[in-house]
Protein backbone atom coordinates (compact mmCIF):
# COMPACT_ATOMS: atom_id res chain seq x y z
CA UNK A 1 -105.91 -68.98 63.16
CA UNK A 2 -102.72 -67.50 63.99
CA UNK A 3 -101.12 -70.91 64.67
CA UNK A 4 -102.78 -72.70 61.85
CA UNK A 5 -100.75 -70.76 59.19
CA UNK A 6 -97.41 -71.37 60.25
CA UNK A 7 -98.12 -74.84 61.37
CA UNK A 8 -99.38 -75.71 57.83
CA UNK A 9 -96.14 -74.45 56.37
CA UNK A 10 -94.17 -76.42 58.81
CA UNK A 11 -95.90 -79.43 57.87
CA UNK A 12 -95.28 -78.67 53.91
CA UNK A 13 -91.80 -77.90 54.16
CA UNK A 14 -91.25 -80.85 56.42
CA UNK A 15 -93.02 -83.48 53.59
CA UNK A 16 -91.55 -81.39 50.81
CA UNK A 17 -87.98 -82.19 52.00
CA UNK A 18 -88.79 -85.95 52.72
CA UNK A 19 -89.57 -85.96 49.45
CA UNK A 20 -86.40 -84.66 48.14
CA UNK A 21 -84.58 -87.45 50.47
CA UNK A 22 -86.14 -89.94 48.98
CA UNK A 23 -85.29 -88.99 45.52
CA UNK A 24 -81.72 -88.55 46.24
CA UNK A 25 -81.65 -91.61 48.18
CA UNK A 26 -83.45 -93.60 44.70
CA UNK A 27 -81.00 -91.87 42.44
CA UNK A 28 -77.88 -92.83 44.72
CA UNK A 29 -79.49 -96.25 44.48
CA UNK A 30 -79.47 -96.07 40.94
CA UNK A 31 -75.74 -94.90 40.85
CA UNK A 32 -74.34 -97.38 43.25
CA UNK A 33 -75.95 -100.21 40.90
CA UNK A 34 -74.33 -98.75 37.82
CA UNK A 35 -71.16 -98.71 39.70
CA UNK A 36 -71.49 -101.96 40.71
CA UNK A 37 -72.54 -103.20 37.25
CA UNK A 38 -69.65 -101.62 35.71
CA UNK A 39 -67.33 -103.49 38.19
CA UNK A 40 -68.68 -106.79 37.69
CA UNK A 41 -68.34 -106.33 34.01
CA UNK A 42 -64.66 -105.12 34.37
CA UNK A 43 -64.17 -108.29 36.52
CA UNK A 44 -65.53 -110.39 34.09
CA UNK A 45 -63.00 -108.89 31.32
CA UNK A 46 -60.17 -109.33 33.87
CA UNK A 47 -61.04 -112.96 34.39
CA UNK A 48 -61.51 -113.71 30.77
CA UNK A 49 -58.01 -112.24 29.81
CA UNK A 50 -56.27 -113.93 32.67
CA UNK A 51 -58.04 -117.39 31.20
CA UNK A 52 -56.97 -116.79 27.80
CA UNK A 53 -53.34 -116.03 29.31
CA UNK A 54 -53.55 -119.34 30.90
CA UNK A 55 -55.05 -120.99 27.85
CA UNK A 56 -51.81 -119.70 25.51
CA UNK A 57 -49.30 -121.22 28.29
CA UNK A 58 -50.88 -124.52 28.09
CA UNK A 59 -51.11 -124.58 24.30
CA UNK A 60 -47.60 -123.03 23.90
CA UNK A 61 -46.30 -125.74 26.18
CA UNK A 62 -48.24 -128.49 24.56
CA UNK A 63 -50.04 -129.45 27.99
CA UNK A 64 -53.26 -131.91 27.63
CA UNK A 65 -54.95 -130.03 30.69
CA UNK A 66 -58.39 -130.64 32.20
CA UNK A 67 -60.18 -126.98 32.93
CA UNK A 68 -62.59 -127.24 35.87
CA UNK A 69 -65.67 -124.98 36.37
CA UNK A 70 -63.61 -122.56 38.93
CA UNK A 71 -60.95 -122.44 36.17
CA UNK A 72 -58.35 -124.22 37.42
CA UNK A 73 -56.18 -126.36 35.12
CA UNK A 74 -54.90 -129.76 35.97
CA UNK A 75 -53.23 -132.67 34.48
CA UNK A 76 -51.70 -135.93 36.01
CA UNK A 77 -48.29 -136.15 34.81
CA UNK A 78 -47.27 -139.30 36.54
CA UNK A 79 -50.01 -141.94 38.10
CA UNK A 80 -49.30 -143.30 41.30
CA UNK A 81 -49.95 -146.56 42.83
CA UNK A 82 -52.42 -145.09 45.56
CA UNK A 83 -55.81 -146.59 45.38
CA UNK A 84 -58.08 -143.68 46.88
CA UNK A 85 -58.68 -140.23 46.06
CA UNK A 86 -57.82 -137.80 48.14
CA UNK A 87 -60.51 -136.23 50.37
CA UNK A 88 -61.60 -133.24 52.41
CA UNK A 89 -60.35 -133.67 55.70
CA UNK A 90 -57.53 -135.57 55.03
CA UNK A 91 -53.94 -134.24 55.62
CA UNK A 92 -51.51 -134.71 52.25
CA UNK A 93 -48.22 -134.72 52.69
CA UNK A 94 -46.68 -133.15 49.36
CA UNK A 95 -43.77 -132.12 47.33
CA UNK A 96 -44.10 -129.20 45.54
CA UNK A 97 -42.91 -126.37 43.34
CA UNK A 98 -44.29 -123.12 42.76
CA UNK A 99 -44.00 -120.51 39.70
CA UNK A 100 -45.55 -118.08 37.65
CA UNK A 101 -46.65 -117.98 34.22
CA UNK A 102 -43.68 -116.44 32.97
CA UNK A 103 -41.37 -119.16 34.55
CA UNK A 104 -40.44 -116.65 37.53
CA UNK A 105 -39.64 -119.43 40.82
CA UNK A 106 -41.34 -118.40 43.77
CA UNK A 107 -41.16 -121.72 46.28
CA UNK A 108 -40.18 -125.42 46.68
CA UNK A 109 -40.60 -127.90 49.18
CA UNK A 110 -36.80 -128.46 48.21
CA UNK A 111 -35.96 -126.25 51.22
CA UNK A 112 -37.64 -127.03 53.83
CA UNK A 113 -39.12 -130.48 52.86
CA UNK A 114 -42.40 -131.76 52.47
CA UNK A 115 -45.80 -129.64 53.06
CA UNK A 116 -48.71 -131.03 55.03
CA UNK A 117 -51.82 -129.77 53.77
CA UNK A 118 -55.03 -130.43 55.56
CA UNK A 119 -57.59 -130.40 52.44
CA UNK A 120 -60.34 -128.27 52.59
CA UNK A 121 -59.14 -126.79 55.98
CA UNK A 122 -56.50 -124.83 56.13
CA UNK A 123 -55.21 -121.50 54.40
CA UNK A 124 -53.62 -122.72 51.26
CA UNK A 125 -54.66 -121.46 48.32
CA UNK A 126 -58.12 -122.55 47.21
CA UNK A 127 -57.21 -124.00 44.09
CA UNK A 128 -54.57 -126.34 45.62
CA UNK A 129 -57.43 -127.71 47.79
CA UNK A 130 -59.39 -128.25 44.59
CA UNK A 131 -56.53 -129.71 42.87
CA UNK A 132 -55.58 -132.05 45.67
CA UNK A 133 -59.01 -133.73 45.69
CA UNK A 134 -58.10 -135.19 41.69
CA UNK A 135 -54.94 -136.90 42.96
CA UNK A 136 -54.08 -140.65 44.52
CA UNK A 137 -51.23 -141.25 46.48
CA UNK A 138 -47.82 -141.06 44.55
CA UNK A 139 -49.91 -139.05 41.50
CA UNK A 140 -47.75 -136.25 40.27
CA UNK A 141 -49.37 -133.62 38.86
CA UNK A 142 -49.38 -129.87 37.44
CA UNK A 143 -51.96 -127.07 38.41
CA UNK A 144 -52.52 -124.15 37.19
CA UNK A 145 -54.31 -121.80 39.43
CA UNK A 146 -55.54 -118.64 38.14
CA UNK A 147 -55.48 -115.50 40.72
CA UNK A 148 -58.54 -115.73 42.15
CA UNK A 149 -57.82 -119.66 43.39
CA UNK A 150 -54.34 -118.55 44.39
CA UNK A 151 -53.43 -115.57 46.02
CA UNK A 152 -55.92 -112.80 44.34
CA UNK A 153 -55.85 -109.27 44.47
CA UNK A 154 -53.12 -108.96 47.14
CA UNK A 155 -50.51 -111.42 46.28
CA UNK A 156 -48.52 -113.01 49.26
CA UNK A 157 -46.66 -110.33 50.31
CA UNK A 158 -43.47 -112.17 49.11
CA UNK A 159 -42.94 -114.00 45.85
CA UNK A 160 -46.23 -114.03 44.49
CA UNK A 161 -47.32 -110.69 42.72
CA UNK A 162 -50.97 -109.67 43.23
CA UNK A 163 -53.24 -110.95 40.40
CA UNK A 164 -50.91 -113.50 39.46
CA UNK A 165 -51.66 -116.97 38.04
CA UNK A 166 -49.78 -119.63 39.59
CA UNK A 167 -48.32 -123.11 38.64
CA UNK A 168 -48.20 -126.09 41.18
CA UNK A 169 -45.57 -129.28 40.22
CA UNK A 170 -46.79 -131.47 42.99
CA UNK A 171 -46.54 -135.12 44.13
CA UNK A 172 -48.90 -136.53 46.65
CA UNK A 173 -46.79 -138.47 49.05
CA UNK A 174 -48.90 -139.73 51.35
CA UNK A 175 -52.55 -139.29 53.13
CA UNK A 176 -53.93 -139.61 56.45
């Protein structure tokens, strides 16, 4: 009998602590979900604002661009004589010029010569991989990559800042 009361109290304390832990975990999960929802909403607002800035650039420069489901804007500025579209896995040899929406020059193949890009397989910007698949050999195009298709939240650590939309003037020289 002497052991029964302390044992019952210990069991009661143990279960009441367990309930507190469950309530705390549930409350934390609710707060975490609310925080995630706020982050998602903030990101949607940022993407919308960036998309509006790109649209303003396109309108200001009277460009007739196509917008893909990912947000890439592209237009063929000069048709080449190639018959087949570039495809994932092919190596594309390109001349390019990269700048920001504000006109800041970043990079060009003029300095180092044409660049080879394995479409869909290397570490080139996602938007560039997507855009290449709209081109035939000889085509010249203008691509505008929103930041999530370019260098994202970090930039490239050199000339392209974080969260920057990037403009590519590109010519597809060859495919292999």
